[in-house]
Amino acid sequence: MRLVSTSAAGRAGEDAAAALLESEGWTLAARNFRTRRGEIDIVAARGDVIAFVEVKSWESYGKEELGSALGAKKRRRIVETSKIFLARHREYNTMHVRYDVFLLREGRLVERYESAFTGEI
């Protein structure tokens, strides 16, 4: 019996990832940035780096299934959405862009993939 909805678990995972980033000195530029092209869970900046972070709460599968959840289509949408973000927020345009993936289970970080993929999709 599932007591927590998928969306509530996703929000809790994003909250945990955001708190971790802030504790490391990152500034949150946006959360759940949405366009018609897609959504980015967290946009965070620190130093000369801007990170577009995809948060996956992965309760019932192993990390080997993560690849199918972040296939080429999903990565392309994240990259396209990040370009829209940068066009709207030009103050970040000189920063080094990075795409990170956080894998959480039961609200705790299990894996963190910095520079998990490139913008060359």
Protein backbone atom coordinates (compact mmCIF):
# COMPACT_ATOMS: atom_id res chain seq x y z
CA MET A 1 0.00 0.00 0.00
CA ARG A 2 1.48 3.35 -1.08
CA LEU A 3 1.00 6.03 1.57
CA VAL A 4 2.85 8.84 -0.20
CA SER A 5 1.89 9.99 -3.68
CA THR A 6 4.48 9.97 -6.43
CA SER A 7 4.30 13.75 -6.71
CA ALA A 8 4.74 14.18 -2.94
CA ALA A 9 7.75 11.86 -2.99
CA GLY A 10 9.17 13.82 -5.91
CA ARG A 11 8.71 17.12 -4.10
CA ALA A 12 10.33 15.72 -0.96
CA GLY A 13 13.28 14.51 -3.03
CA GLU A 14 13.65 17.91 -4.68
CA ASP A 15 13.49 19.59 -1.26
CA ALA A 16 16.26 17.31 0.03
CA ALA A 17 18.43 17.97 -3.05
CA ALA A 18 17.87 21.74 -2.77
CA ALA A 19 18.79 21.71 0.92
CA LEU A 20 21.97 19.75 0.17
CA LEU A 21 22.99 22.18 -2.58
CA GLU A 22 22.37 25.19 -0.33
CA SER A 23 24.43 23.59 2.45
CA GLU A 24 27.30 23.33 -0.05
CA GLY A 25 27.10 27.04 -0.85
CA TRP A 26 25.02 26.88 -4.02
CA THR A 27 22.46 29.61 -4.65
CA LEU A 28 19.14 28.36 -5.97
CA ALA A 29 18.30 30.35 -9.09
CA ALA A 30 15.07 28.46 -9.79
CA ARG A 31 13.03 25.43 -8.82
CA ASN A 32 10.68 23.63 -11.18
CA PHE A 33 11.48 25.93 -14.09
CA ARG A 34 8.87 25.06 -16.73
CA THR A 35 8.45 25.86 -20.39
CA ARG A 36 6.47 24.20 -23.15
CA ARG A 37 9.67 22.26 -23.97
CA GLY A 38 10.14 20.75 -20.51
CA GLU A 39 11.00 21.25 -16.87
CA ILE A 40 14.17 21.54 -14.83
CA ASP A 41 13.87 20.54 -11.19
CA ILE A 42 16.60 22.80 -9.79
CA VAL A 43 18.83 25.49 -11.24
CA ALA A 44 21.72 26.32 -8.92
CA ALA A 45 24.75 28.60 -9.19
CA ARG A 46 28.07 28.66 -7.37
CA GLY A 47 31.22 30.45 -8.45
CA ASP A 48 31.37 30.34 -12.24
CA VAL A 49 29.15 27.24 -12.58
CA ILE A 50 25.43 26.99 -13.20
CA ALA A 51 24.01 23.51 -12.66
CA PHE A 52 20.75 22.26 -14.12
CA VAL A 53 19.76 19.46 -11.77
CA GLU A 54 17.39 16.58 -12.49
CA VAL A 55 16.19 14.92 -9.29
CA LYS A 56 14.95 11.34 -9.45
CA SER A 57 13.29 9.72 -6.45
CA TRP A 58 13.89 6.11 -7.27
CA GLU A 59 12.13 3.98 -4.71
CA SER A 60 11.54 0.66 -6.37
CA TYR A 61 14.30 0.23 -8.95
CA GLY A 62 18.06 0.04 -8.98
CA LYS A 63 20.29 2.69 -10.45
CA GLU A 64 20.78 0.60 -13.58
CA GLU A 65 17.21 1.53 -14.61
CA LEU A 66 18.07 5.22 -14.29
CA GLY A 67 19.39 5.25 -17.85
CA SER A 68 15.99 4.43 -19.25
CA ALA A 69 14.39 7.17 -17.15
CA LEU A 70 16.90 9.69 -18.49
CA GLY A 71 16.96 8.67 -22.11
CA ALA A 72 18.01 10.86 -25.01
CA LYS A 73 14.57 12.47 -25.30
CA LYS A 74 14.51 13.51 -21.64
CA ARG A 75 18.09 14.81 -21.78
CA ARG A 76 17.29 16.78 -24.94
CA ARG A 77 14.31 18.41 -23.22
CA ILE A 78 16.45 19.37 -20.23
CA VAL A 79 19.10 20.90 -22.49
CA GLU A 80 16.52 22.78 -24.56
CA THR A 81 14.83 24.06 -21.42
CA SER A 82 18.18 25.15 -19.96
CA LYS A 83 18.84 27.22 -23.10
CA ILE A 84 15.49 28.96 -22.61
CA PHE A 85 16.38 29.63 -18.97
CA LEU A 86 19.72 31.16 -20.00
CA ALA A 87 18.01 33.29 -22.66
CA ARG A 88 15.60 34.64 -20.03
CA HIS A 89 18.27 35.07 -17.34
CA ARG A 90 21.23 36.55 -19.16
CA GLU A 91 23.13 37.22 -15.93
CA TYR A 92 24.16 33.53 -16.03
CA ASN A 93 25.32 33.46 -19.67
CA THR A 94 29.06 33.68 -18.87
CA MET A 95 28.92 30.73 -16.48
CA HIS A 96 30.05 27.18 -17.19
CA VAL A 97 26.93 25.02 -17.71
CA ARG A 98 26.65 21.62 -16.07
CA TYR A 99 23.89 19.00 -16.05
CA ASP A 100 23.68 17.01 -12.83
CA VAL A 101 21.46 14.12 -11.76
CA PHE A 102 20.61 13.32 -8.15
CA LEU A 103 19.23 9.88 -7.38
CA LEU A 104 17.34 9.68 -4.10
CA ARG A 105 15.75 6.83 -2.25
CA GLU A 106 13.48 7.39 0.75
CA GLY A 107 14.41 11.08 0.70
CA ARG A 108 18.15 10.45 0.96
CA LEU A 109 20.80 10.99 -1.66
CA VAL A 110 21.99 7.64 -3.01
CA GLU A 111 23.96 8.76 -6.05
CA ARG A 112 25.04 12.10 -7.40
CA TYR A 113 26.21 12.46 -10.96
CA GLU A 114 27.90 15.79 -11.60
CA SER A 115 28.17 16.58 -15.31
CA ALA A 116 26.01 13.53 -15.96
CA PHE A 117 25.54 14.54 -19.59
CA THR A 118 26.47 17.38 -21.90
CA GLY A 119 24.48 19.96 -23.79
CA GLU A 120 25.52 18.28 -27.04
CA ILE A 121 22.50 16.02 -27.42
